[in-house]
Amino acid sequence: MYHSMSGISWLTGISVIIIVWVNTLRSPWHAVTSLLQQLIKSKHLLWLLLLTVGVLLINKFELILEDHLPFHHDFTPWVFRMEGHFVSTFQSLFHSTTVTAILAFFYLVILQALILASLGIYASDDRLPFLYATCCTVILNYLAAIPFYLLFPVNEVWSYPPSGADFYMLEVFPNFEQVYRPLSGLDNCFPSLHTSVSVSMAILAIRSGNRRWGWFASICSSIIVFSIFYMGIHWFTDMLGGLVLAVLASTLGLVWGNRLANSTRFGNLKPHQSITKTSIDVHSK
C-alpha cells in the first residue's frame, strides 16, 4: 500500500485539501490565498513558519548527532519492567489487515495533514492568533522532545524481543525501515511525538471555536494514539509523556501566538490610528 515518501506526500496533500474543505466549507484555494496574504502582511508569521520547518529538519539531524555522542544508554529494559506485555496484549485484540491499513494511513499521513490543514483552516477563518499558535506549538513539541531522544533513548516496543509485540506496519509498508526509518530513529520513543503533536492540534482546534474542526481533529488524534499501540511502536509511558507535552506545548503556544498576533496588529497601525480604537475593532469581529 505504501512504497515511497513521495506517495505518502501525495496522500498528505490530498488529505489536506479534503480536511480544509470539510472543516471550512470553503474552497481550499481560499485557504491557500488567505495564508499567502497573511504571510505577506506579517513578517513575524513568515519567519515563524520558516523556523517551524527548521525545527523539523533539526529533528532529522538529531539522528546524526546521536551517533556521535560519547555515551549510549538504553532505558528500554527499565520501561519494560514497568509495563510488561501491555502493548502486545493490546495489539493482539484488534489485529486484522483492514485495521492495519486504516491505522497506517492515520500514522503516516493524517498526522502531518493535521498540521498543514490547521494552517489552512485558521487562515481561511482569519484566526491569526491560531496561525501563530500552530507554528509555536509544533516548535515547542519538537524542541522539548529532542533532548529526551538524545539523553533518554527508549527503543520501539516491537524491537525489544521480551515485549512480544509485532510490527504490523510491515504488512502495508514492507520497506518501512528503508524509506521511513531515516526520519524517525528506532530509539526516539519517549515522549511520543505522534501523541503530542496530534493531541496538540486537537486542543488548538477545540479552542479555536470551530466546532466541526474541533471534533474532527479530536477523532483523528484519538485514532493516531490508538495506532501507536496497535502498530507495536510506542510504550504506554511514551503516550503519557506525549499527553503532558501536548498540554504544555499547546498552552504555551496559544500564549505565544496571542502575543505575536497582537504585536502584529498594533505594529501595522498607521500613525494617526489609536491602539484603543484598533482594540475595539478587533474585539468586535
C-alpha atoms as a PDB file:
ATOM      1  CA  MET A   1       0.000   0.000   0.000  1.00  0.00           C
ATOM      2  CA  TYR A   2       2.929   2.341   0.725  1.00  0.00           C
ATOM      3  CA  HIS A   3       6.192   2.283  -1.195  1.00  0.00           C
ATOM      4  CA  SER A   4       7.823   5.724  -1.047  1.00  0.00           C
ATOM      5  CA  MET A   5       7.817   9.077   0.723  1.00  0.00           C
ATOM      6  CA  SER A   6       6.619  10.733  -2.492  1.00  0.00           C
ATOM      7  CA  GLY A   7       3.500   8.565  -2.401  1.00  0.00           C
ATOM      8  CA  ILE A   8       2.922   9.489   1.241  1.00  0.00           C
ATOM      9  CA  SER A   9       3.411  13.160   0.326  1.00  0.00           C
ATOM     10  CA  TRP A  10       0.765  12.939  -2.401  1.00  0.00           C
ATOM     11  CA  LEU A  11      -1.678  11.293   0.005  1.00  0.00           C
ATOM     12  CA  THR A  12      -0.931  14.008   2.549  1.00  0.00           C
ATOM     13  CA  GLY A  13      -1.620  16.776   0.036  1.00  0.00           C
ATOM     14  CA  ILE A  14      -4.941  15.243  -0.996  1.00  0.00           C
ATOM     15  CA  SER A  15      -5.891  14.727   2.655  1.00  0.00           C
ATOM     16  CA  VAL A  16      -5.110  18.358   3.499  1.00  0.00           C
ATOM     17  CA  ILE A  17      -7.349  19.586   0.672  1.00  0.00           C
ATOM     18  CA  ILE A  18     -10.237  17.408   1.850  1.00  0.00           C
ATOM     19  CA  ILE A  19      -9.780  18.302   5.534  1.00  0.00           C
ATOM     20  CA  VAL A  20      -9.699  22.049   4.837  1.00  0.00           C
ATOM     21  CA  TRP A  21     -12.759  21.853   2.587  1.00  0.00           C
ATOM     22  CA  VAL A  22     -14.787  19.768   5.054  1.00  0.00           C
ATOM     23  CA  ASN A  23     -13.958  21.947   8.057  1.00  0.00           C
ATOM     24  CA  THR A  24     -14.321  25.381   6.458  1.00  0.00           C
ATOM     25  CA  LEU A  25     -16.976  24.648   3.811  1.00  0.00           C
ATOM     26  CA  ARG A  26     -14.946  26.883   1.516  1.00  0.00           C
ATOM     27  CA  SER A  27     -12.718  26.198  -1.436  1.00  0.00           C
ATOM     28  CA  PRO A  28      -9.234  25.035  -0.366  1.00  0.00           C
ATOM     29  CA  TRP A  29      -7.924  27.692  -2.739  1.00  0.00           C
ATOM     30  CA  HIS A  30      -9.402  30.300  -0.384  1.00  0.00           C
ATOM     31  CA  ALA A  31      -7.281  28.854   2.416  1.00  0.00           C
ATOM     32  CA  VAL A  32      -4.152  28.995   0.255  1.00  0.00           C
ATOM     33  CA  THR A  33      -4.694  32.618  -0.798  1.00  0.00           C
ATOM     34  CA  SER A  34      -5.615  33.639   2.766  1.00  0.00           C
ATOM     35  CA  LEU A  35      -2.431  32.059   4.126  1.00  0.00           C
ATOM     36  CA  LEU A  36      -0.310  33.756   1.462  1.00  0.00           C
ATOM     37  CA  GLN A  37      -1.904  37.107   2.289  1.00  0.00           C
ATOM     38  CA  GLN A  38      -1.156  36.621   5.987  1.00  0.00           C
ATOM     39  CA  LEU A  39       2.448  35.715   5.190  1.00  0.00           C
ATOM     40  CA  ILE A  40       2.822  38.831   3.040  1.00  0.00           C
ATOM     41  CA  LYS A  41       1.303  41.086   5.718  1.00  0.00           C
ATOM     42  CA  SER A  42       3.164  39.574   8.647  1.00  0.00           C
ATOM     43  CA  LYS A  43       6.917  39.036   8.541  1.00  0.00           C
ATOM     44  CA  HIS A  44       6.649  37.541  12.021  1.00  0.00           C
ATOM     45  CA  LEU A  45       4.420  34.769  10.708  1.00  0.00           C
ATOM     46  CA  LEU A  46       6.714  34.133   7.749  1.00  0.00           C
ATOM     47  CA  TRP A  47       9.778  33.793   9.958  1.00  0.00           C
ATOM     48  CA  LEU A  48       7.885  31.637  12.427  1.00  0.00           C
ATOM     49  CA  LEU A  49       6.795  29.295   9.633  1.00  0.00           C
ATOM     50  CA  LEU A  50      10.393  29.051   8.407  1.00  0.00           C
ATOM     51  CA  LEU A  51      11.507  28.357  11.981  1.00  0.00           C
ATOM     52  CA  THR A  52       8.938  25.558  12.192  1.00  0.00           C
ATOM     53  CA  VAL A  53      10.391  23.949   9.084  1.00  0.00           C
ATOM     54  CA  GLY A  54      13.876  24.407  10.534  1.00  0.00           C
ATOM     55  CA  VAL A  55      12.938  22.606  13.756  1.00  0.00           C
ATOM     56  CA  LEU A  56      11.584  19.688  11.740  1.00  0.00           C
ATOM     57  CA  LEU A  57      14.943  19.486   9.963  1.00  0.00           C
ATOM     58  CA  ILE A  58      16.761  19.626  13.317  1.00  0.00           C
ATOM     59  CA  ASN A  59      14.778  16.556  14.331  1.00  0.00           C
ATOM     60  CA  LYS A  60      16.295  14.732  11.354  1.00  0.00           C
ATOM     61  CA  PHE A  61      19.834  15.833  12.251  1.00  0.00           C
ATOM     62  CA  GLU A  62      19.246  14.627  15.806  1.00  0.00           C
ATOM     63  CA  LEU A  63      19.767  11.103  14.489  1.00  0.00           C
ATOM     64  CA  ILE A  64      23.210  12.106  13.188  1.00  0.00           C
ATOM     65  CA  LEU A  65      24.112  13.850  16.447  1.00  0.00           C
ATOM     66  CA  GLU A  66      23.026  10.809  18.441  1.00  0.00           C
ATOM     67  CA  ASP A  67      25.575   8.634  16.645  1.00  0.00           C
ATOM     68  CA  HIS A  68      28.390  10.973  17.731  1.00  0.00           C
ATOM     69  CA  LEU A  69      27.526  11.131  21.420  1.00  0.00           C
ATOM     70  CA  PRO A  70      30.289   9.787  23.681  1.00  0.00           C
ATOM     71  CA  PHE A  71      27.773   7.813  25.748  1.00  0.00           C
ATOM     72  CA  HIS A  72      24.966   5.438  24.819  1.00  0.00           C
ATOM     73  CA  HIS A  73      22.276   4.344  27.240  1.00  0.00           C
ATOM     74  CA  ASP A  74      19.240   2.144  26.733  1.00  0.00           C
ATOM     75  CA  PHE A  75      16.287   2.719  29.046  1.00  0.00           C
ATOM     76  CA  THR A  76      14.060   0.191  27.264  1.00  0.00           C
ATOM     77  CA  PRO A  77      14.530  -2.584  29.884  1.00  0.00           C
ATOM     78  CA  TRP A  78      13.521  -0.106  32.603  1.00  0.00           C
ATOM     79  CA  VAL A  79      10.315   0.811  30.750  1.00  0.00           C
ATOM     80  CA  PHE A  80       9.535  -2.862  30.074  1.00  0.00           C
ATOM     81  CA  ARG A  81       9.838  -3.678  33.785  1.00  0.00           C
ATOM     82  CA  MET A  82       7.133  -1.075  34.465  1.00  0.00           C
ATOM     83  CA  GLU A  83       4.747  -2.011  31.643  1.00  0.00           C
ATOM     84  CA  GLY A  84       5.312  -5.667  30.880  1.00  0.00           C
ATOM     85  CA  HIS A  85       3.327  -7.020  27.911  1.00  0.00           C
ATOM     86  CA  PHE A  86       0.668  -4.312  27.764  1.00  0.00           C
ATOM     87  CA  VAL A  87       1.328  -3.381  24.120  1.00  0.00           C
ATOM     88  CA  SER A  88       1.490  -6.955  22.782  1.00  0.00           C
ATOM     89  CA  THR A  89      -1.754  -7.811  24.587  1.00  0.00           C
ATOM     90  CA  PHE A  90      -3.427  -4.642  23.303  1.00  0.00           C
ATOM     91  CA  GLN A  91      -2.496  -5.110  19.656  1.00  0.00           C
ATOM     92  CA  SER A  92      -3.490  -8.787  19.609  1.00  0.00           C
ATOM     93  CA  LEU A  93      -7.079  -7.829  20.497  1.00  0.00           C
ATOM     94  CA  PHE A  94      -7.643  -5.834  17.304  1.00  0.00           C
ATOM     95  CA  HIS A  95      -5.357  -7.297  14.648  1.00  0.00           C
ATOM     96  CA  SER A  96      -6.616  -7.558  11.071  1.00  0.00           C
ATOM     97  CA  THR A  97      -5.193  -6.442   7.728  1.00  0.00           C
ATOM     98  CA  THR A  98      -8.041  -3.940   7.295  1.00  0.00           C
ATOM     99  CA  VAL A  99      -7.355  -2.327  10.659  1.00  0.00           C
ATOM    100  CA  THR A 100      -3.643  -2.225   9.833  1.00  0.00           C
ATOM    101  CA  ALA A 101      -4.280  -0.412   6.544  1.00  0.00           C
ATOM    102  CA  ILE A 102      -6.547   2.185   8.159  1.00  0.00           C
ATOM    103  CA  LEU A 103      -4.270   2.882  11.107  1.00  0.00           C
ATOM    104  CA  ALA A 104      -1.169   3.071   8.904  1.00  0.00           C
ATOM    105  CA  PHE A 105      -2.904   5.820   6.929  1.00  0.00           C
ATOM    106  CA  PHE A 106      -3.516   7.823  10.102  1.00  0.00           C
ATOM    107  CA  TYR A 107       0.003   7.200  11.414  1.00  0.00           C
ATOM    108  CA  LEU A 108       1.825   8.061   8.181  1.00  0.00           C
ATOM    109  CA  VAL A 109      -0.455  10.615   6.526  1.00  0.00           C
ATOM    110  CA  ILE A 110      -3.020  12.197   8.819  1.00  0.00           C
ATOM    111  CA  LEU A 111      -0.545  13.342  11.481  1.00  0.00           C
ATOM    112  CA  GLN A 112       1.250  15.721   9.121  1.00  0.00           C
ATOM    113  CA  ALA A 113      -2.016  16.549   7.351  1.00  0.00           C
ATOM    114  CA  LEU A 114      -3.417  17.841  10.653  1.00  0.00           C
ATOM    115  CA  ILE A 115      -0.569  20.342  10.956  1.00  0.00           C
ATOM    116  CA  LEU A 116      -0.869  21.610   7.381  1.00  0.00           C
ATOM    117  CA  ALA A 117      -4.675  21.659   7.470  1.00  0.00           C
ATOM    118  CA  SER A 118      -4.561  23.662  10.717  1.00  0.00           C
ATOM    119  CA  LEU A 119      -2.669  26.438   8.928  1.00  0.00           C
ATOM    120  CA  GLY A 120      -5.152  26.445   6.052  1.00  0.00           C
ATOM    121  CA  ILE A 121      -8.231  26.394   8.284  1.00  0.00           C
ATOM    122  CA  TYR A 122      -7.066  29.189  10.589  1.00  0.00           C
ATOM    123  CA  ALA A 123      -6.005  31.304   7.611  1.00  0.00           C
ATOM    124  CA  SER A 124      -9.361  30.728   5.948  1.00  0.00           C
ATOM    125  CA  ASP A 125     -11.191  31.650   9.161  1.00  0.00           C
ATOM    126  CA  ASP A 126      -8.933  34.702   9.655  1.00  0.00           C
ATOM    127  CA  ARG A 127      -7.730  33.411  13.044  1.00  0.00           C
ATOM    128  CA  LEU A 128      -4.268  34.956  13.160  1.00  0.00           C
ATOM    129  CA  PRO A 129      -3.555  34.006  16.814  1.00  0.00           C
ATOM    130  CA  PHE A 130      -4.172  30.343  16.000  1.00  0.00           C
ATOM    131  CA  LEU A 131      -1.943  30.523  12.938  1.00  0.00           C
ATOM    132  CA  TYR A 132       0.864  31.690  15.203  1.00  0.00           C
ATOM    133  CA  ALA A 133      -0.109  29.191  17.903  1.00  0.00           C
ATOM    134  CA  THR A 134       0.060  26.250  15.486  1.00  0.00           C
ATOM    135  CA  CYS A 135       3.635  27.068  14.497  1.00  0.00           C
ATOM    136  CA  CYS A 136       4.665  27.800  18.089  1.00  0.00           C
ATOM    137  CA  THR A 137       3.116  24.563  19.343  1.00  0.00           C
ATOM    138  CA  VAL A 138       4.867  22.406  16.742  1.00  0.00           C
ATOM    139  CA  ILE A 139       8.188  24.097  17.552  1.00  0.00           C
ATOM    140  CA  LEU A 140       7.736  23.561  21.300  1.00  0.00           C
ATOM    141  CA  ASN A 141       6.802  19.899  20.806  1.00  0.00           C
ATOM    142  CA  TYR A 142       9.947  19.104  18.869  1.00  0.00           C
ATOM    143  CA  LEU A 143      12.344  21.239  20.926  1.00  0.00           C
ATOM    144  CA  ALA A 144      11.095  19.577  24.115  1.00  0.00           C
ATOM    145  CA  ALA A 145      11.260  16.046  22.699  1.00  0.00           C
ATOM    146  CA  ILE A 146      14.736  16.144  21.119  1.00  0.00           C
ATOM    147  CA  PRO A 147      16.694  16.296  24.426  1.00  0.00           C
ATOM    148  CA  PHE A 148      14.822  13.195  25.615  1.00  0.00           C
ATOM    149  CA  TYR A 149      15.698  11.374  22.389  1.00  0.00           C
ATOM    150  CA  LEU A 150      19.357  12.187  22.939  1.00  0.00           C
ATOM    151  CA  LEU A 151      19.598  11.564  26.690  1.00  0.00           C
ATOM    152  CA  PHE A 152      16.752   9.148  27.417  1.00  0.00           C
ATOM    153  CA  PRO A 153      16.645   6.728  24.463  1.00  0.00           C
ATOM    154  CA  VAL A 154      13.901   4.095  24.524  1.00  0.00           C
ATOM    155  CA  ASN A 155      13.547   1.566  21.696  1.00  0.00           C
ATOM    156  CA  GLU A 156      10.266   0.882  19.932  1.00  0.00           C
ATOM    157  CA  VAL A 157       8.252  -1.893  21.541  1.00  0.00           C
ATOM    158  CA  TRP A 158       8.401  -4.363  18.643  1.00  0.00           C
ATOM    159  CA  SER A 159      12.223  -4.144  18.518  1.00  0.00           C
ATOM    160  CA  TYR A 160      12.576  -5.314  22.122  1.00  0.00           C
ATOM    161  CA  PRO A 161      12.102  -9.145  21.962  1.00  0.00           C
ATOM    162  CA  PRO A 162      10.871  -9.693  25.541  1.00  0.00           C
ATOM    163  CA  SER A 163       7.889  -7.417  24.837  1.00  0.00           C
ATOM    164  CA  GLY A 164       6.357  -9.977  22.471  1.00  0.00           C
ATOM    165  CA  ALA A 165       4.976  -7.179  20.239  1.00  0.00           C
ATOM    166  CA  ASP A 166       4.752  -7.389  16.442  1.00  0.00           C
ATOM    167  CA  PHE A 167       5.452  -4.610  13.953  1.00  0.00           C
ATOM    168  CA  TYR A 168       2.214  -4.616  11.942  1.00  0.00           C
ATOM    169  CA  MET A 169       3.300  -1.633   9.834  1.00  0.00           C
ATOM    170  CA  LEU A 170       5.277  -4.003   7.627  1.00  0.00           C
ATOM    171  CA  GLU A 171       2.028  -5.619   6.434  1.00  0.00           C
ATOM    172  CA  VAL A 172       1.217  -2.491   4.397  1.00  0.00           C
ATOM    173  CA  PHE A 173       4.627  -0.802   4.213  1.00  0.00           C
ATOM    174  CA  PRO A 174       7.175  -3.616   3.671  1.00  0.00           C
ATOM    175  CA  ASN A 175      10.135  -1.272   3.088  1.00  0.00           C
ATOM    176  CA  PHE A 176       9.324   0.986   6.052  1.00  0.00           C
ATOM    177  CA  GLU A 177      12.787   0.532   7.537  1.00  0.00           C
ATOM    178  CA  GLN A 178      14.485   1.690   4.330  1.00  0.00           C
ATOM    179  CA  VAL A 179      12.108   4.533   3.413  1.00  0.00           C
ATOM    180  CA  TYR A 180      10.651   5.974   6.630  1.00  0.00           C
ATOM    181  CA  ARG A 181      13.191   4.993   9.268  1.00  0.00           C
ATOM    182  CA  PRO A 182      15.751   7.702   8.306  1.00  0.00           C
ATOM    183  CA  LEU A 183      13.143  10.226   9.520  1.00  0.00           C
ATOM    184  CA  SER A 184      12.440   8.519  12.822  1.00  0.00           C
ATOM    185  CA  GLY A 185      15.049   6.845  14.999  1.00  0.00           C
ATOM    186  CA  LEU A 186      14.376   3.420  16.452  1.00  0.00           C
ATOM    187  CA  ASP A 187      15.082   4.725  19.960  1.00  0.00           C
ATOM    188  CA  ASN A 188      13.141   8.005  19.613  1.00  0.00           C
ATOM    189  CA  CYS A 189      10.159   6.829  21.617  1.00  0.00           C
ATOM    190  CA  PHE A 190       9.783   8.922  24.753  1.00  0.00           C
ATOM    191  CA  PRO A 191       7.822  11.121  24.556  1.00  0.00           C
ATOM    192  CA  SER A 192       5.618  10.062  21.640  1.00  0.00           C
ATOM    193  CA  LEU A 193       5.548  12.913  19.118  1.00  0.00           C
ATOM    194  CA  HIS A 194       2.678  11.235  17.276  1.00  0.00           C
ATOM    195  CA  THR A 195       0.718  11.633  20.502  1.00  0.00           C
ATOM    196  CA  SER A 196       1.903  15.099  21.457  1.00  0.00           C
ATOM    197  CA  VAL A 197       1.563  16.709  18.012  1.00  0.00           C
ATOM    198  CA  SER A 198      -1.827  15.171  17.148  1.00  0.00           C
ATOM    199  CA  VAL A 199      -3.315  15.952  20.578  1.00  0.00           C
ATOM    200  CA  SER A 200      -1.833  19.469  20.431  1.00  0.00           C
ATOM    201  CA  MET A 201      -3.581  20.082  17.109  1.00  0.00           C
ATOM    202  CA  ALA A 202      -6.829  18.770  18.613  1.00  0.00           C
ATOM    203  CA  ILE A 203      -6.535  21.076  21.644  1.00  0.00           C
ATOM    204  CA  LEU A 204      -5.959  24.093  19.415  1.00  0.00           C
ATOM    205  CA  ALA A 205      -8.843  23.042  17.171  1.00  0.00           C
ATOM    206  CA  ILE A 206     -11.214  22.801  20.138  1.00  0.00           C
ATOM    207  CA  ARG A 207     -10.128  26.165  21.495  1.00  0.00           C
ATOM    208  CA  SER A 208     -10.450  27.820  18.074  1.00  0.00           C
ATOM    209  CA  GLY A 209     -14.238  27.790  18.306  1.00  0.00           C
ATOM    210  CA  ASN A 210     -14.686  25.851  15.043  1.00  0.00           C
ATOM    211  CA  ARG A 211     -16.788  23.002  16.431  1.00  0.00           C
ATOM    212  CA  ARG A 212     -16.599  20.851  13.300  1.00  0.00           C
ATOM    213  CA  TRP A 213     -12.815  21.165  13.219  1.00  0.00           C
ATOM    214  CA  GLY A 214     -12.581  20.513  16.952  1.00  0.00           C
ATOM    215  CA  TRP A 215     -14.497  17.229  16.650  1.00  0.00           C
ATOM    216  CA  PHE A 216     -12.623  16.185  13.519  1.00  0.00           C
ATOM    217  CA  ALA A 217      -9.164  16.825  14.972  1.00  0.00           C
ATOM    218  CA  SER A 218     -10.092  15.124  18.249  1.00  0.00           C
ATOM    219  CA  ILE A 219     -11.256  11.965  16.472  1.00  0.00           C
ATOM    220  CA  CYS A 220      -8.133  11.901  14.299  1.00  0.00           C
ATOM    221  CA  SER A 221      -5.809  12.346  17.276  1.00  0.00           C
ATOM    222  CA  SER A 222      -7.590   9.542  19.155  1.00  0.00           C
ATOM    223  CA  ILE A 223      -7.096   7.188  16.210  1.00  0.00           C
ATOM    224  CA  ILE A 224      -3.428   8.174  15.920  1.00  0.00           C
ATOM    225  CA  VAL A 225      -2.877   7.456  19.627  1.00  0.00           C
ATOM    226  CA  PHE A 226      -4.616   4.102  19.149  1.00  0.00           C
ATOM    227  CA  SER A 227      -2.319   3.356  16.198  1.00  0.00           C
ATOM    228  CA  ILE A 228       0.921   3.808  18.162  1.00  0.00           C
ATOM    229  CA  PHE A 229      -0.028   0.830  20.332  1.00  0.00           C
ATOM    230  CA  TYR A 230      -1.624  -1.242  17.604  1.00  0.00           C
ATOM    231  CA  MET A 231       1.464  -0.939  15.398  1.00  0.00           C
ATOM    232  CA  GLY A 232       3.670  -2.030  18.288  1.00  0.00           C
ATOM    233  CA  ILE A 233       5.714   1.181  18.148  1.00  0.00           C
ATOM    234  CA  HIS A 234       5.210   3.087  21.393  1.00  0.00           C
ATOM    235  CA  TRP A 235       5.009   2.178  25.051  1.00  0.00           C
ATOM    236  CA  PHE A 236       2.208   3.382  27.312  1.00  0.00           C
ATOM    237  CA  THR A 237       4.793   5.581  29.056  1.00  0.00           C
ATOM    238  CA  ASP A 238       5.553   7.266  25.726  1.00  0.00           C
ATOM    239  CA  MET A 239       1.890   8.109  25.324  1.00  0.00           C
ATOM    240  CA  LEU A 240       1.650   9.619  28.814  1.00  0.00           C
ATOM    241  CA  GLY A 241       4.732  11.747  28.133  1.00  0.00           C
ATOM    242  CA  GLY A 242       3.185  12.826  24.827  1.00  0.00           C
ATOM    243  CA  LEU A 243      -0.064  13.882  26.514  1.00  0.00           C
ATOM    244  CA  VAL A 244       1.767  16.008  29.079  1.00  0.00           C
ATOM    245  CA  LEU A 245       3.856  17.594  26.336  1.00  0.00           C
ATOM    246  CA  ALA A 246       0.740  18.273  24.237  1.00  0.00           C
ATOM    247  CA  VAL A 247      -0.978  20.163  27.054  1.00  0.00           C
ATOM    248  CA  LEU A 248       2.112  22.217  27.869  1.00  0.00           C
ATOM    249  CA  ALA A 249       3.038  22.958  24.246  1.00  0.00           C
ATOM    250  CA  SER A 250      -0.481  23.937  23.162  1.00  0.00           C
ATOM    251  CA  THR A 251      -0.991  26.139  26.244  1.00  0.00           C
ATOM    252  CA  LEU A 252       2.311  27.961  25.794  1.00  0.00           C
ATOM    253  CA  GLY A 253       1.768  28.038  22.038  1.00  0.00           C
ATOM    254  CA  LEU A 254      -1.542  29.857  22.481  1.00  0.00           C
ATOM    255  CA  VAL A 255       0.004  32.395  24.858  1.00  0.00           C
ATOM    256  CA  TRP A 256       2.887  32.966  22.460  1.00  0.00           C
ATOM    257  CA  GLY A 257       0.531  33.068  19.475  1.00  0.00           C
ATOM    258  CA  ASN A 258      -1.764  35.661  21.037  1.00  0.00           C
ATOM    259  CA  ARG A 259       1.143  37.923  21.923  1.00  0.00           C
ATOM    260  CA  LEU A 260       2.615  37.722  18.445  1.00  0.00           C
ATOM    261  CA  ALA A 261      -0.779  38.324  16.813  1.00  0.00           C
ATOM    262  CA  ASN A 262      -1.402  41.382  18.993  1.00  0.00           C
ATOM    263  CA  SER A 263       2.043  42.781  18.291  1.00  0.00           C
ATOM    264  CA  THR A 264       1.431  42.289  14.564  1.00  0.00           C
ATOM    265  CA  ARG A 265      -1.924  44.094  14.711  1.00  0.00           C
ATOM    266  CA  PHE A 266      -0.570  47.038  16.670  1.00  0.00           C
ATOM    267  CA  GLY A 267       2.615  47.092  14.600  1.00  0.00           C
ATOM    268  CA  ASN A 268       0.510  47.621  11.488  1.00  0.00           C
ATOM    269  CA  LEU A 269      -1.154  50.764  12.904  1.00  0.00           C
ATOM    270  CA  LYS A 270      -0.852  53.958  10.906  1.00  0.00           C
ATOM    271  CA  PRO A 271       0.492  56.982  12.829  1.00  0.00           C
ATOM    272  CA  HIS A 272      -2.959  58.635  13.149  1.00  0.00           C
ATOM    273  CA  GLN A 273      -4.675  55.445  14.463  1.00  0.00           C
ATOM    274  CA  SER A 274      -5.083  54.827  18.176  1.00  0.00           C
ATOM    275  CA  ILE A 275      -4.489  51.485  19.845  1.00  0.00           C
ATOM    276  CA  THR A 276      -7.762  51.810  21.728  1.00  0.00           C
ATOM    277  CA  LYS A 277      -9.806  52.116  18.537  1.00  0.00           C
ATOM    278  CA  THR A 278      -7.980  49.168  16.966  1.00  0.00           C
ATOM    279  CA  SER A 279      -8.582  47.036  20.072  1.00  0.00           C
ATOM    280  CA  ILE A 280     -12.318  47.770  19.849  1.00  0.00           C
ATOM    281  CA  ASP A 281     -12.345  46.836  16.169  1.00  0.00           C
ATOM    282  CA  VAL A 282     -10.518  43.573  16.861  1.00  0.00           C
ATOM    283  CA  HIS A 283     -12.910  42.524  19.640  1.00  0.00           C
ATOM    284  CA  SER A 284     -15.949  43.425  17.548  1.00  0.00           C
ATOM    285  CA  LYS A 285     -15.034  40.973  14.778  1.00  0.00           C
END
